[in-house]
Protein backbone atom coordinates (compact mmCIF):
# COMPACT_ATOMS: atom_id res chain seq x y z
CA UNK A 1 -29.73 -18.57 2.51
CA UNK A 2 -30.01 -20.04 6.02
CA UNK A 3 -26.34 -19.82 6.94
CA UNK A 4 -26.58 -21.89 10.11
CA UNK A 5 -28.06 -24.82 8.17
CA UNK A 6 -25.67 -24.29 5.28
CA UNK A 7 -22.61 -24.57 7.53
CA UNK A 8 -23.89 -27.68 9.28
CA UNK A 9 -24.65 -29.36 5.95
CA UNK A 10 -21.33 -28.43 4.34
CA UNK A 11 -19.42 -29.58 7.41
CA UNK A 12 -21.26 -32.91 7.60
CA UNK A 13 -20.83 -33.63 3.89
CA UNK A 14 -17.12 -32.77 4.04
CA UNK A 15 -16.70 -35.26 6.89
CA UNK A 16 -18.66 -37.96 5.09
CA UNK A 17 -16.61 -37.43 1.94
CA UNK A 18 -13.42 -37.43 4.02
CA UNK A 19 -14.28 -40.81 5.50
CA UNK A 20 -14.72 -42.28 2.03
CA UNK A 21 -11.51 -40.69 0.79
CA UNK A 22 -9.51 -42.11 3.70
CA UNK A 23 -11.01 -45.55 3.19
CA UNK A 24 -9.63 -45.54 -0.36
CA UNK A 25 -6.38 -43.78 0.63
CA UNK A 26 -5.57 -46.48 3.18
CA UNK A 27 -6.24 -49.34 0.76
CA UNK A 28 -3.30 -51.16 -0.81
CA UNK A 29 -4.13 -49.80 -4.24
CA UNK A 30 -6.68 -47.57 -5.98
CA UNK A 31 -7.58 -46.70 -9.55
CA UNK A 32 -6.14 -43.58 -11.20
CA UNK A 33 -7.50 -42.27 -14.50
CA UNK A 34 -6.60 -39.27 -16.66
CA UNK A 35 -9.20 -36.65 -17.56
CA UNK A 36 -9.45 -34.83 -20.89
CA UNK A 37 -7.26 -31.99 -19.57
CA UNK A 38 -4.55 -34.52 -18.62
CA UNK A 39 -5.16 -34.09 -14.90
CA UNK A 40 -5.48 -37.21 -12.75
CA UNK A 41 -8.70 -38.39 -11.15
CA UNK A 42 -9.14 -41.27 -8.72
CA UNK A 43 -12.04 -43.32 -7.46
CA UNK A 44 -11.81 -41.22 -4.30
CA UNK A 45 -12.51 -38.01 -6.27
CA UNK A 46 -15.56 -39.61 -7.84
CA UNK A 47 -16.90 -41.19 -4.66
CA UNK A 48 -16.50 -37.99 -2.65
CA UNK A 49 -18.15 -35.98 -5.42
CA UNK A 50 -21.17 -38.32 -5.40
CA UNK A 51 -21.60 -37.93 -1.64
CA UNK A 52 -21.31 -34.15 -1.61
CA UNK A 53 -23.34 -33.48 -4.75
CA UNK A 54 -26.23 -35.66 -3.65
CA UNK A 55 -26.27 -34.03 -0.22
CA UNK A 56 -26.17 -30.45 -1.49
CA UNK A 57 -28.81 -31.05 -4.14
CA UNK A 58 -31.11 -32.63 -1.58
CA UNK A 59 -30.69 -29.80 0.93
CA UNK A 60 -30.48 -26.83 -1.47
CA UNK A 61 -32.27 -27.85 -4.67
CA UNK A 62 -32.76 -24.27 -5.87
CA UNK A 63 -29.09 -23.24 -5.59
CA UNK A 64 -26.91 -23.86 -8.67
CA UNK A 65 -24.11 -26.35 -8.02
CA UNK A 66 -20.71 -26.40 -9.73
CA UNK A 67 -18.47 -29.38 -9.07
CA UNK A 68 -15.11 -30.26 -10.58
CA UNK A 69 -16.03 -33.83 -11.41
CA UNK A 70 -19.29 -33.07 -13.29
CA UNK A 71 -18.52 -31.30 -16.54
CA UNK A 72 -22.19 -30.50 -17.18
CA UNK A 73 -22.25 -28.33 -14.07
CA UNK A 74 -19.55 -26.09 -15.54
CA UNK A 75 -21.99 -24.76 -18.13
CA UNK A 76 -24.27 -23.10 -15.60
CA UNK A 77 -23.25 -19.46 -15.26
CA UNK A 78 -24.39 -17.75 -12.07
CA UNK A 79 -23.15 -15.21 -9.58
CA UNK A 80 -24.54 -17.05 -6.55
CA UNK A 81 -23.88 -20.80 -6.36
CA UNK A 82 -22.38 -23.70 -4.43
CA UNK A 83 -19.00 -24.94 -5.68
CA UNK A 84 -17.17 -28.14 -4.81
CA UNK A 85 -13.76 -29.72 -5.21
CA UNK A 86 -14.35 -33.13 -3.63
CA UNK A 87 -10.64 -33.96 -3.50
CA UNK A 88 -8.29 -31.02 -3.93
CA UNK A 89 -4.69 -32.14 -4.21
CA UNK A 90 -5.21 -35.35 -6.16
CA UNK A 91 -1.46 -35.58 -6.84
CA UNK A 92 -0.81 -35.40 -3.09
CA UNK A 93 -3.40 -38.15 -2.62
CA UNK A 94 -1.85 -40.38 -5.31
CA UNK A 95 1.62 -39.92 -3.84
CA UNK A 96 0.26 -40.50 -0.31
CA UNK A 97 1.60 -37.21 0.99
CA UNK A 98 -1.49 -36.27 2.99
CA UNK A 99 -1.90 -32.64 1.86
CA UNK A 100 -5.30 -33.06 0.21
CA UNK A 101 -8.59 -31.49 1.16
CA UNK A 102 -12.34 -31.56 0.68
CA UNK A 103 -13.53 -28.11 -0.43
CA UNK A 104 -17.14 -26.89 -0.34
CA UNK A 105 -18.05 -23.20 -0.71
CA UNK A 106 -20.96 -20.85 -1.20
CA UNK A 107 -20.40 -17.92 -3.56
CA UNK A 108 -22.65 -14.86 -3.36
CA UNK A 109 -22.55 -12.16 -6.02
CA UNK A 110 -19.17 -13.43 -7.17
CA UNK A 111 -17.64 -13.55 -3.66
CA UNK A 112 -16.97 -16.75 -1.65
CA UNK A 113 -18.65 -15.93 1.67
CA UNK A 114 -18.94 -19.34 3.35
CA UNK A 115 -16.77 -22.42 3.03
CA UNK A 116 -15.29 -25.53 4.58
CA UNK A 117 -11.84 -27.00 4.04
CA UNK A 118 -11.27 -30.44 5.54
CA UNK A 119 -7.91 -32.22 5.44
CA UNK A 120 -8.77 -35.74 6.61
CA UNK A 121 -5.23 -37.15 6.55
CA UNK A 122 -3.99 -34.14 8.56
CA UNK A 123 -7.03 -34.15 10.86
CA UNK A 124 -7.55 -30.42 10.39
CA UNK A 125 -10.83 -28.72 9.58
CA UNK A 126 -11.42 -25.05 8.85
CA UNK A 127 -14.70 -23.33 8.06
CA UNK A 128 -16.71 -20.16 8.32
CA UNK A 129 -19.44 -19.79 10.88
CA UNK A 130 -22.89 -18.47 9.97
CA UNK A 131 -21.65 -14.91 10.55
CA UNK A 132 -18.70 -15.46 8.21
CA UNK A 133 -16.02 -15.65 10.91
CA UNK A 134 -13.45 -18.39 10.27
CA UNK A 135 -12.72 -21.11 12.80
CA UNK A 136 -10.64 -24.25 13.14
CA UNK A 137 -12.33 -27.22 14.76
CA UNK A 138 -10.52 -29.72 16.94
CA UNK A 139 -11.48 -33.41 16.46
CA UNK A 140 -12.95 -36.02 16.87
CA UNK A 141 -15.25 -34.44 14.22
CA UNK A 142 -18.61 -35.97 15.10
CA UNK A 143 -20.90 -35.57 12.12
CA UNK A 144 -23.99 -34.55 14.05
CA UNK A 145 -22.42 -31.83 16.21
CA UNK A 146 -19.32 -29.62 15.97
CA UNK A 147 -16.59 -30.10 18.56
CA UNK A 148 -14.31 -27.55 20.14
CA UNK A 149 -13.47 -24.73 17.77
CA UNK A 150 -11.72 -21.41 17.97
CA UNK A 151 -11.59 -18.33 15.81
CA UNK A 152 -8.56 -18.00 13.56
CA UNK A 153 -6.89 -14.78 12.48
CA UNK A 154 -4.21 -13.79 10.02
CA UNK A 155 -0.80 -12.74 11.26
CA UNK A 156 0.25 -9.22 12.13
CA UNK A 157 2.90 -9.57 9.45
CA UNK A 158 6.45 -8.23 9.72
CA UNK A 159 7.50 -7.21 6.21
CA UNK A 160 11.15 -7.63 7.19
CA UNK A 161 10.62 -11.31 8.01
CA UNK A 162 7.74 -12.89 6.11
CA UNK A 163 6.66 -16.52 6.15
CA UNK A 164 5.76 -17.67 2.64
CA UNK A 165 3.77 -20.76 1.69
CA UNK A 166 3.87 -22.09 -1.87
CA UNK A 167 2.57 -25.03 -3.83
CA UNK A 168 4.17 -28.40 -3.25
CA UNK A 169 3.33 -29.80 -6.70
CA UNK A 170 3.27 -26.66 -8.88
CA UNK A 171 6.32 -24.63 -7.84
CA UNK A 172 8.20 -22.94 -10.69
CA UNK A 173 10.87 -20.34 -11.40
CA UNK A 174 8.35 -17.53 -11.90
CA UNK A 175 6.99 -18.16 -8.41
CA UNK A 176 10.48 -18.19 -6.92
CA UNK A 177 11.33 -14.95 -8.74
CA UNK A 178 8.28 -13.23 -7.30
CA UNK A 179 8.92 -14.54 -3.79
CA UNK A 180 12.44 -13.13 -4.16
CA UNK A 181 10.98 -9.61 -4.13
CA UNK A 182 10.14 -10.02 -0.43
CA UNK A 183 12.21 -10.23 2.76
CA UNK A 184 11.52 -13.86 3.61
CA UNK A 185 12.15 -15.33 7.03
CA UNK A 186 11.23 -18.84 6.03
CA UNK A 187 9.22 -20.81 3.49
CA UNK A 188 7.02 -23.85 3.65
CA UNK A 189 5.38 -25.99 1.01
CA UNK A 190 1.86 -27.35 1.21
CA UNK A 191 -0.61 -28.97 -1.11
CA UNK A 192 -4.21 -28.13 -1.99
CA UNK A 193 -6.21 -25.36 -0.33
CA UNK A 194 -4.31 -25.88 2.92
CA UNK A 195 -2.14 -22.98 1.76
CA UNK A 196 -5.05 -20.57 2.21
CA UNK A 197 -5.68 -21.99 5.66
CA UNK A 198 -2.06 -21.58 6.73
CA UNK A 199 -2.34 -17.87 5.90
CA UNK A 200 -5.71 -17.75 7.69
CA UNK A 201 -4.23 -19.15 10.92
CA UNK A 202 -1.17 -16.90 10.81
CA UNK A 203 1.18 -19.82 10.08
CA UNK A 204 2.12 -18.02 6.86
CA UNK A 205 1.84 -14.43 5.65
CA UNK A 206 1.52 -14.79 1.89
CA UNK A 207 0.70 -17.40 -0.74
CA UNK A 208 1.39 -16.37 -4.35
CA UNK A 209 0.01 -18.63 -7.08
CA UNK A 210 1.46 -18.17 -10.56
CA UNK A 211 -0.16 -21.18 -12.16
CA UNK A 212 -3.41 -22.63 -13.40
CA UNK A 213 -6.25 -23.00 -10.88
CA UNK A 214 -10.00 -23.28 -11.16
CA UNK A 215 -12.61 -21.66 -8.97
CA UNK A 216 -13.42 -24.95 -7.22
CA UNK A 217 -9.75 -25.16 -6.18
CA UNK A 218 -9.85 -21.82 -4.39
CA UNK A 219 -13.37 -20.82 -3.31
CA UNK A 220 -13.51 -22.63 0.04
CA UNK A 221 -10.00 -21.60 1.06
CA UNK A 222 -10.74 -18.05 -0.10
CA UNK A 223 -13.85 -17.95 2.12
CA UNK A 224 -11.92 -19.23 5.13
CA UNK A 225 -9.11 -16.73 4.60
CA UNK A 226 -11.56 -13.84 4.20
CA UNK A 227 -13.28 -14.91 7.42
CA UNK A 228 -9.90 -14.71 9.16
CA UNK A 229 -9.22 -11.18 7.91
CA UNK A 230 -7.16 -12.07 4.84
CA UNK A 231 -7.41 -11.11 1.20
CA UNK A 232 -7.14 -12.76 -2.22
CA UNK A 233 -6.34 -10.57 -5.22
CA UNK A 234 -5.38 -10.96 -8.85
CA UNK A 235 -1.63 -11.14 -9.37
CA UNK A 236 -1.62 -8.66 -12.24
CA UNK A 237 -3.83 -5.84 -10.93
CA UNK A 238 -4.19 -6.54 -7.19
CA UNK A 239 -7.95 -6.28 -7.64
CA UNK A 240 -10.15 -8.74 -5.70
CA UNK A 241 -10.43 -12.22 -7.18
CA UNK A 242 -14.03 -12.76 -8.29
CA UNK A 243 -16.03 -15.91 -9.04
CA UNK A 244 -18.56 -17.05 -11.60
CA UNK A 245 -16.17 -16.33 -14.45
CA UNK A 246 -16.70 -17.87 -17.88
CA UNK A 247 -15.19 -21.36 -17.73
CA UNK A 248 -14.48 -20.97 -13.98
CA UNK A 249 -10.73 -20.52 -14.61
CA UNK A 250 -8.75 -18.24 -12.28
CA UNK A 251 -6.02 -15.78 -13.19
CA UNK A 252 -2.80 -15.89 -11.17
CA UNK A 253 -3.47 -14.60 -7.66
CA UNK A 254 -2.00 -13.70 -4.27
CA UNK A 255 -3.53 -14.71 -0.94
CA UNK A 256 -2.14 -12.72 1.97
CA UNK A 257 -2.51 -11.09 5.37
CA UNK A 258 -3.38 -7.40 4.92
CA UNK A 259 -0.24 -6.14 6.70
CA UNK A 260 1.88 -7.56 3.88
CA UNK A 261 3.04 -4.83 1.49
CA UNK A 262 2.41 -6.41 -1.90
CA UNK A 263 5.01 -6.15 -4.61
CA UNK A 264 4.22 -5.58 -8.28
CA UNK A 265 4.65 -8.42 -10.72
């Protein structure tokens, strides 16, 4: 894989999809449908998916592509593939809360090694460089050339005063019980894969997820966090979270800065 070209393509497609998403987001109204798994989908999800899928297939025709909005793509089992969530945080989008992202990632041998997370309503963009190092780019986000960007790094965590980030739409008692095992300085809520990015930038130390996610929800954020020195492990065994699983469903997991002393379930 030509990583330099891959990053430029993923970044450009994320920005193009973000423009379309914001066009729909800022309209007076938009259509919301319900998928077979009872999750919501909007015209923004579908429009962004069309932009990204067409672009990736044109640029990388020989690389398998898995995308949330195309069920047929879920049948293709591979260990190396591109994976897309064109609008992560659909509930945040519907409720106009802003915490939604465009996620595009490249998985190699079951590990997300490159990815981009773009939050158009928050005007924040995170991605891995060709060498795998994670950066945040400062706008205005020209599509043909990256702007100012700086390397991001996880926090040097203090286990006596941890910052925890948790889901805004999927918080439950089990999550609160697990968080209660730590000495917490403060907590914040965020939607979509922004939670991975907040750990990657050192704005949070740990993100536990005790709820249903799919690989397209997590791969891009996982890649960014890994590029910033962080880790993502299974909740039950603390073994690395791997990709290309049958059905692309994730177990519960923990994303964290390595200085955090993980607690058992």
